[in-house]
Amino acid sequence: MKLLITLIGLVLVLEGLPYVASPEAMQRWLRQILDMEPRQLRRIGLVAMAVGFFLCYLAQRSPLFN
């Protein structure tokens, strides 16, 4: 449970970083997202999830991270 809470905290830190570093750029980026089609956003989300799952798999199974 400690690891899960730590990971959620790290995700929140990484998610918040662009808003702190460059709020104006984030506003422009969010406006562009509003103009995108839902199908395109879904594809981007699926790709991001697949990459995330792959990285988790590598971190757990690969001897590269031991």
PDB file of N, CA and C in Angstrom:
ATOM      1  N   MET A   1       0.821  -1.191   0.000  1.00  0.00           N
ATOM      2  CA  MET A   1       0.000   0.000   0.000  1.00  0.00           C
ATOM      3  C   MET A   1       0.871   1.263   0.000  1.00  0.00           C
ATOM      4  N   LYS A   2       1.999   1.177   0.715  1.00  0.00           N
ATOM      5  CA  LYS A   2       2.911   2.322   0.762  1.00  0.00           C
ATOM      6  C   LYS A   2       3.427   2.671  -0.636  1.00  0.00           C
ATOM      7  N   LEU A   3       3.772   1.651  -1.413  1.00  0.00           N
ATOM      8  CA  LEU A   3       4.258   1.873  -2.774  1.00  0.00           C
ATOM      9  C   LEU A   3       3.172   2.498  -3.648  1.00  0.00           C
ATOM     10  N   LEU A   4       1.939   2.027  -3.519  1.00  0.00           N
ATOM     11  CA  LEU A   4       0.835   2.574  -4.311  1.00  0.00           C
ATOM     12  C   LEU A   4       0.620   4.059  -4.012  1.00  0.00           C
ATOM     13  N   ILE A   5       0.603   4.425  -2.744  1.00  0.00           N
ATOM     14  CA  ILE A   5       0.421   5.829  -2.363  1.00  0.00           C
ATOM     15  C   ILE A   5       1.586   6.670  -2.880  1.00  0.00           C
ATOM     16  N   THR A   6       2.790   6.134  -2.803  1.00  0.00           N
ATOM     17  CA  THR A   6       3.962   6.845  -3.322  1.00  0.00           C
ATOM     18  C   THR A   6       3.848   7.063  -4.827  1.00  0.00           C
ATOM     19  N   LEU A   7       3.419   6.037  -5.557  1.00  0.00           N
ATOM     20  CA  LEU A   7       3.277   6.161  -7.007  1.00  0.00           C
ATOM     21  C   LEU A   7       2.192   7.164  -7.383  1.00  0.00           C
ATOM     22  N   ILE A   8       1.081   7.149  -6.669  1.00  0.00           N
ATOM     23  CA  ILE A   8       0.016   8.122  -6.946  1.00  0.00           C
ATOM     24  C   ILE A   8       0.525   9.536  -6.686  1.00  0.00           C
ATOM     25  N   GLY A   9       1.266   9.713  -5.604  1.00  0.00           N
ATOM     26  CA  GLY A   9       1.850  11.027  -5.321  1.00  0.00           C
ATOM     27  C   GLY A   9       2.807  11.474  -6.410  1.00  0.00           C
ATOM     28  N   LEU A  10       3.625  10.565  -6.903  1.00  0.00           N
ATOM     29  CA  LEU A  10       4.570  10.895  -7.968  1.00  0.00           C
ATOM     30  C   LEU A  10       3.833  11.272  -9.254  1.00  0.00           C
ATOM     31  N   VAL A  11       2.775  10.553  -9.575  1.00  0.00           N
ATOM     32  CA  VAL A  11       1.981  10.878 -10.763  1.00  0.00           C
ATOM     33  C   VAL A  11       1.394  12.283 -10.629  1.00  0.00           C
ATOM     34  N   LEU A  12       0.878  12.617  -9.451  1.00  0.00           N
ATOM     35  CA  LEU A  12       0.312  13.950  -9.250  1.00  0.00           C
ATOM     36  C   LEU A  12       1.369  15.044  -9.376  1.00  0.00           C
ATOM     37  N   VAL A  13       2.568  14.784  -8.866  1.00  0.00           N
ATOM     38  CA  VAL A  13       3.656  15.754  -9.011  1.00  0.00           C
ATOM     39  C   VAL A  13       3.990  15.953 -10.486  1.00  0.00           C
ATOM     40  N   LEU A  14       4.132  14.854 -11.223  1.00  0.00           N
ATOM     41  CA  LEU A  14       4.474  14.958 -12.643  1.00  0.00           C
ATOM     42  C   LEU A  14       3.358  15.595 -13.460  1.00  0.00           C
ATOM     43  N   GLU A  15       2.107  15.319 -13.091  1.00  0.00           N
ATOM     44  CA  GLU A  15       0.973  15.928 -13.797  1.00  0.00           C
ATOM     45  C   GLU A  15       0.903  17.433 -13.534  1.00  0.00           C
ATOM     46  N   GLY A  16       1.246  17.859 -12.339  1.00  0.00           N
ATOM     47  CA  GLY A  16       1.147  19.268 -11.990  1.00  0.00           C
ATOM     48  C   GLY A  16       2.314  20.109 -12.471  1.00  0.00           C
ATOM     49  N   LEU A  17       3.426  19.486 -12.759  1.00  0.00           N
ATOM     50  CA  LEU A  17       4.632  20.216 -13.157  1.00  0.00           C
ATOM     51  C   LEU A  17       4.446  21.146 -14.356  1.00  0.00           C
ATOM     52  N   PRO A  18       3.826  20.705 -15.458  1.00  0.00           N
ATOM     53  CA  PRO A  18       3.660  21.619 -16.598  1.00  0.00           C
ATOM     54  C   PRO A  18       2.796  22.839 -16.271  1.00  0.00           C
ATOM     55  N   TYR A  19       1.812  22.685 -15.383  1.00  0.00           N
ATOM     56  CA  TYR A  19       0.958  23.813 -15.022  1.00  0.00           C
ATOM     57  C   TYR A  19       1.723  24.858 -14.223  1.00  0.00           C
ATOM     58  N   VAL A  20       2.677  24.412 -13.419  1.00  0.00           N
ATOM     59  CA  VAL A  20       3.496  25.329 -12.634  1.00  0.00           C
ATOM     60  C   VAL A  20       4.576  25.959 -13.509  1.00  0.00           C
ATOM     61  N   ALA A  21       5.192  25.165 -14.357  1.00  0.00           N
ATOM     62  CA  ALA A  21       6.316  25.637 -15.170  1.00  0.00           C
ATOM     63  C   ALA A  21       5.875  26.601 -16.267  1.00  0.00           C
ATOM     64  N   SER A  22       4.731  26.338 -16.893  1.00  0.00           N
ATOM     65  CA  SER A  22       4.303  27.178 -18.012  1.00  0.00           C
ATOM     66  C   SER A  22       2.782  27.152 -18.151  1.00  0.00           C
ATOM     67  N   PRO A  23       2.087  27.892 -17.309  1.00  0.00           N
ATOM     68  CA  PRO A  23       0.624  27.852 -17.342  1.00  0.00           C
ATOM     69  C   PRO A  23       0.023  28.375 -18.653  1.00  0.00           C
ATOM     70  N   GLU A  24       0.663  29.355 -19.268  1.00  0.00           N
ATOM     71  CA  GLU A  24       0.133  29.883 -20.522  1.00  0.00           C
ATOM     72  C   GLU A  24       0.177  28.839 -21.636  1.00  0.00           C
ATOM     73  N   ALA A  25       1.282  28.112 -21.708  1.00  0.00           N
ATOM     74  CA  ALA A  25       1.402  27.064 -22.720  1.00  0.00           C
ATOM     75  C   ALA A  25       0.386  25.956 -22.461  1.00  0.00           C
ATOM     76  N   MET A  26       0.137  25.644 -21.209  1.00  0.00           N
ATOM     77  CA  MET A  26      -0.849  24.611 -20.883  1.00  0.00           C
ATOM     78  C   MET A  26      -2.251  25.050 -21.292  1.00  0.00           C
ATOM     79  N   GLN A  27      -2.568  26.336 -21.127  1.00  0.00           N
ATOM     80  CA  GLN A  27      -3.876  26.826 -21.554  1.00  0.00           C
ATOM     81  C   GLN A  27      -4.038  26.685 -23.068  1.00  0.00           C
ATOM     82  N   ARG A  28      -2.992  27.038 -23.822  1.00  0.00           N
ATOM     83  CA  ARG A  28      -3.060  26.872 -25.280  1.00  0.00           C
ATOM     84  C   ARG A  28      -3.227  25.404 -25.647  1.00  0.00           C
ATOM     85  N   TRP A  29      -2.485  24.539 -24.979  1.00  0.00           N
ATOM     86  CA  TRP A  29      -2.540  23.106 -25.257  1.00  0.00           C
ATOM     87  C   TRP A  29      -3.926  22.546 -24.949  1.00  0.00           C
ATOM     88  N   LEU A  30      -4.507  22.980 -23.840  1.00  0.00           N
ATOM     89  CA  LEU A  30      -5.843  22.497 -23.478  1.00  0.00           C
ATOM     90  C   LEU A  30      -6.897  22.974 -24.472  1.00  0.00           C
ATOM     91  N   ARG A  31      -6.735  24.187 -25.012  1.00  0.00           N
ATOM     92  CA  ARG A  31      -7.664  24.658 -26.061  1.00  0.00           C
ATOM     93  C   ARG A  31      -7.558  23.777 -27.306  1.00  0.00           C
ATOM     94  N   GLN A  32      -6.335  23.367 -27.647  1.00  0.00           N
ATOM     95  CA  GLN A  32      -6.154  22.486 -28.798  1.00  0.00           C
ATOM     96  C   GLN A  32      -6.810  21.132 -28.550  1.00  0.00           C
ATOM     97  N   ILE A  33      -6.738  20.653 -27.328  1.00  0.00           N
ATOM     98  CA  ILE A  33      -7.375  19.373 -26.998  1.00  0.00           C
ATOM     99  C   ILE A  33      -8.890  19.476 -27.165  1.00  0.00           C
ATOM    100  N   LEU A  34      -9.457  20.612 -26.788  1.00  0.00           N
ATOM    101  CA  LEU A  34     -10.904  20.797 -26.936  1.00  0.00           C
ATOM    102  C   LEU A  34     -11.339  20.707 -28.395  1.00  0.00           C
ATOM    103  N   ASP A  35     -10.464  21.075 -29.312  1.00  0.00           N
ATOM    104  CA  ASP A  35     -10.792  21.042 -30.739  1.00  0.00           C
ATOM    105  C   ASP A  35     -10.600  19.663 -31.368  1.00  0.00           C
ATOM    106  N   MET A  36      -9.996  18.736 -30.644  1.00  0.00           N
ATOM    107  CA  MET A  36      -9.744  17.405 -31.194  1.00  0.00           C
ATOM    108  C   MET A  36     -11.003  16.545 -31.133  1.00  0.00           C
ATOM    109  N   GLU A  37     -11.076  15.609 -32.045  1.00  0.00           N
ATOM    110  CA  GLU A  37     -12.204  14.672 -32.062  1.00  0.00           C
ATOM    111  C   GLU A  37     -12.050  13.653 -30.935  1.00  0.00           C
ATOM    112  N   PRO A  38     -13.164  13.220 -30.341  1.00  0.00           N
ATOM    113  CA  PRO A  38     -13.090  12.225 -29.271  1.00  0.00           C
ATOM    114  C   PRO A  38     -12.364  10.940 -29.687  1.00  0.00           C
ATOM    115  N   ARG A  39     -12.545  10.521 -30.926  1.00  0.00           N
ATOM    116  CA  ARG A  39     -11.869   9.311 -31.408  1.00  0.00           C
ATOM    117  C   ARG A  39     -10.351   9.470 -31.347  1.00  0.00           C
ATOM    118  N   GLN A  40      -9.863  10.652 -31.731  1.00  0.00           N
ATOM    119  CA  GLN A  40      -8.424  10.905 -31.716  1.00  0.00           C
ATOM    120  C   GLN A  40      -7.901  10.933 -30.267  1.00  0.00           C
ATOM    121  N   LEU A  41      -8.656  11.556 -29.369  1.00  0.00           N
ATOM    122  CA  LEU A  41      -8.260  11.577 -27.960  1.00  0.00           C
ATOM    123  C   LEU A  41      -8.227  10.165 -27.378  1.00  0.00           C
ATOM    124  N   ARG A  42      -9.195   9.348 -27.762  1.00  0.00           N
ATOM    125  CA  ARG A  42      -9.238   7.967 -27.280  1.00  0.00           C
ATOM    126  C   ARG A  42      -8.007   7.205 -27.746  1.00  0.00           C
ATOM    127  N   ARG A  43      -7.618   7.398 -29.000  1.00  0.00           N
ATOM    128  CA  ARG A  43      -6.423   6.720 -29.521  1.00  0.00           C
ATOM    129  C   ARG A  43      -5.173   7.155 -28.773  1.00  0.00           C
ATOM    130  N   ILE A  44      -5.054   8.451 -28.529  1.00  0.00           N
ATOM    131  CA  ILE A  44      -3.897   8.965 -27.790  1.00  0.00           C
ATOM    132  C   ILE A  44      -3.867   8.362 -26.393  1.00  0.00           C
ATOM    133  N   GLY A  45      -5.031   8.290 -25.749  1.00  0.00           N
ATOM    134  CA  GLY A  45      -5.107   7.688 -24.423  1.00  0.00           C
ATOM    135  C   GLY A  45      -4.727   6.222 -24.421  1.00  0.00           C
ATOM    136  N   LEU A  46      -5.183   5.485 -25.424  1.00  0.00           N
ATOM    137  CA  LEU A  46      -4.844   4.060 -25.505  1.00  0.00           C
ATOM    138  C   LEU A  46      -3.347   3.855 -25.726  1.00  0.00           C
ATOM    139  N   VAL A  47      -2.750   4.692 -26.567  1.00  0.00           N
ATOM    140  CA  VAL A  47      -1.305   4.590 -26.797  1.00  0.00           C
ATOM    141  C   VAL A  47      -0.546   4.907 -25.511  1.00  0.00           C
ATOM    142  N   ALA A  48      -0.978   5.953 -24.808  1.00  0.00           N
ATOM    143  CA  ALA A  48      -0.313   6.310 -23.550  1.00  0.00           C
ATOM    144  C   ALA A  48      -0.430   5.183 -22.532  1.00  0.00           C
ATOM    145  N   MET A  49      -1.603   4.564 -22.448  1.00  0.00           N
ATOM    146  CA  MET A  49      -1.785   3.442 -21.524  1.00  0.00           C
ATOM    147  C   MET A  49      -0.913   2.260 -21.915  1.00  0.00           C
ATOM    148  N   ALA A  50      -0.838   1.963 -23.210  1.00  0.00           N
ATOM    149  CA  ALA A  50      -0.021   0.840 -23.670  1.00  0.00           C
ATOM    150  C   ALA A  50       1.449   1.077 -23.343  1.00  0.00           C
ATOM    151  N   VAL A  51       1.929   2.290 -23.573  1.00  0.00           N
ATOM    152  CA  VAL A  51       3.322   2.603 -23.252  1.00  0.00           C
ATOM    153  C   VAL A  51       3.548   2.493 -21.744  1.00  0.00           C
ATOM    154  N   GLY A  52       2.594   2.980 -20.965  1.00  0.00           N
ATOM    155  CA  GLY A  52       2.711   2.888 -19.512  1.00  0.00           C
ATOM    156  C   GLY A  52       2.754   1.449 -19.028  1.00  0.00           C
ATOM    157  N   PHE A  53       1.857   0.605 -19.552  1.00  0.00           N
ATOM    158  CA  PHE A  53       1.866  -0.805 -19.167  1.00  0.00           C
ATOM    159  C   PHE A  53       3.168  -1.479 -19.584  1.00  0.00           C
ATOM    160  N   PHE A  54       3.668  -1.130 -20.769  1.00  0.00           N
ATOM    161  CA  PHE A  54       4.922  -1.707 -21.239  1.00  0.00           C
ATOM    162  C   PHE A  54       6.088  -1.309 -20.328  1.00  0.00           C
ATOM    163  N   LEU A  55       6.129  -0.045 -19.922  1.00  0.00           N
ATOM    164  CA  LEU A  55       7.187   0.406 -19.018  1.00  0.00           C
ATOM    165  C   LEU A  55       7.088  -0.298 -17.665  1.00  0.00           C
ATOM    166  N   CYS A  56       5.878  -0.466 -17.162  1.00  0.00           N
ATOM    167  CA  CYS A  56       5.690  -1.213 -15.902  1.00  0.00           C
ATOM    168  C   CYS A  56       6.176  -2.650 -16.053  1.00  0.00           C
ATOM    169  N   TYR A  57       5.846  -3.268 -17.176  1.00  0.00           N
ATOM    170  CA  TYR A  57       6.288  -4.637 -17.436  1.00  0.00           C
ATOM    171  C   TYR A  57       7.817  -4.709 -17.467  1.00  0.00           C
ATOM    172  N   LEU A  58       8.430  -3.781 -18.191  1.00  0.00           N
ATOM    173  CA  LEU A  58       9.894  -3.775 -18.268  1.00  0.00           C
ATOM    174  C   LEU A  58      10.522  -3.589 -16.899  1.00  0.00           C
ATOM    175  N   ALA A  59       9.966  -2.675 -16.124  1.00  0.00           N
ATOM    176  CA  ALA A  59      10.530  -2.402 -14.800  1.00  0.00           C
ATOM    177  C   ALA A  59      10.426  -3.621 -13.893  1.00  0.00           C
ATOM    178  N   GLN A  60       9.377  -4.413 -14.033  1.00  0.00           N
ATOM    179  CA  GLN A  60       9.171  -5.568 -13.159  1.00  0.00           C
ATOM    180  C   GLN A  60       9.876  -6.825 -13.656  1.00  0.00           C
ATOM    181  N   ARG A  61       9.958  -7.016 -14.955  1.00  0.00           N
ATOM    182  CA  ARG A  61      10.434  -8.292 -15.518  1.00  0.00           C
ATOM    183  C   ARG A  61      11.838  -8.254 -16.110  1.00  0.00           C
ATOM    184  N   SER A  62      12.295  -7.077 -16.484  1.00  0.00           N
ATOM    185  CA  SER A  62      13.567  -6.990 -17.189  1.00  0.00           C
ATOM    186  C   SER A  62      14.740  -6.945 -16.209  1.00  0.00           C
ATOM    187  N   PRO A  63      15.819  -7.634 -16.533  1.00  0.00           N
ATOM    188  CA  PRO A  63      17.010  -7.538 -15.671  1.00  0.00           C
ATOM    189  C   PRO A  63      17.718  -6.194 -15.798  1.00  0.00           C
ATOM    190  N   LEU A  64      17.296  -5.359 -16.723  1.00  0.00           N
ATOM    191  CA  LEU A  64      17.927  -4.048 -16.891  1.00  0.00           C
ATOM    192  C   LEU A  64      17.759  -3.171 -15.664  1.00  0.00           C
ATOM    193  N   PHE A  65      16.694  -3.359 -14.900  1.00  0.00           N
ATOM    194  CA  PHE A  65      16.391  -2.481 -13.774  1.00  0.00           C
ATOM    195  C   PHE A  65      16.689  -3.123 -12.424  1.00  0.00           C
ATOM    196  N   ASN A  66      17.447  -4.191 -12.402  1.00  0.00           N
ATOM    197  CA  ASN A  66      17.793  -4.857 -11.127  1.00  0.00           C
ATOM    198  C   ASN A  66      19.026  -4.243 -10.521  1.00  0.00           C
TER     199      ASN A  66
END
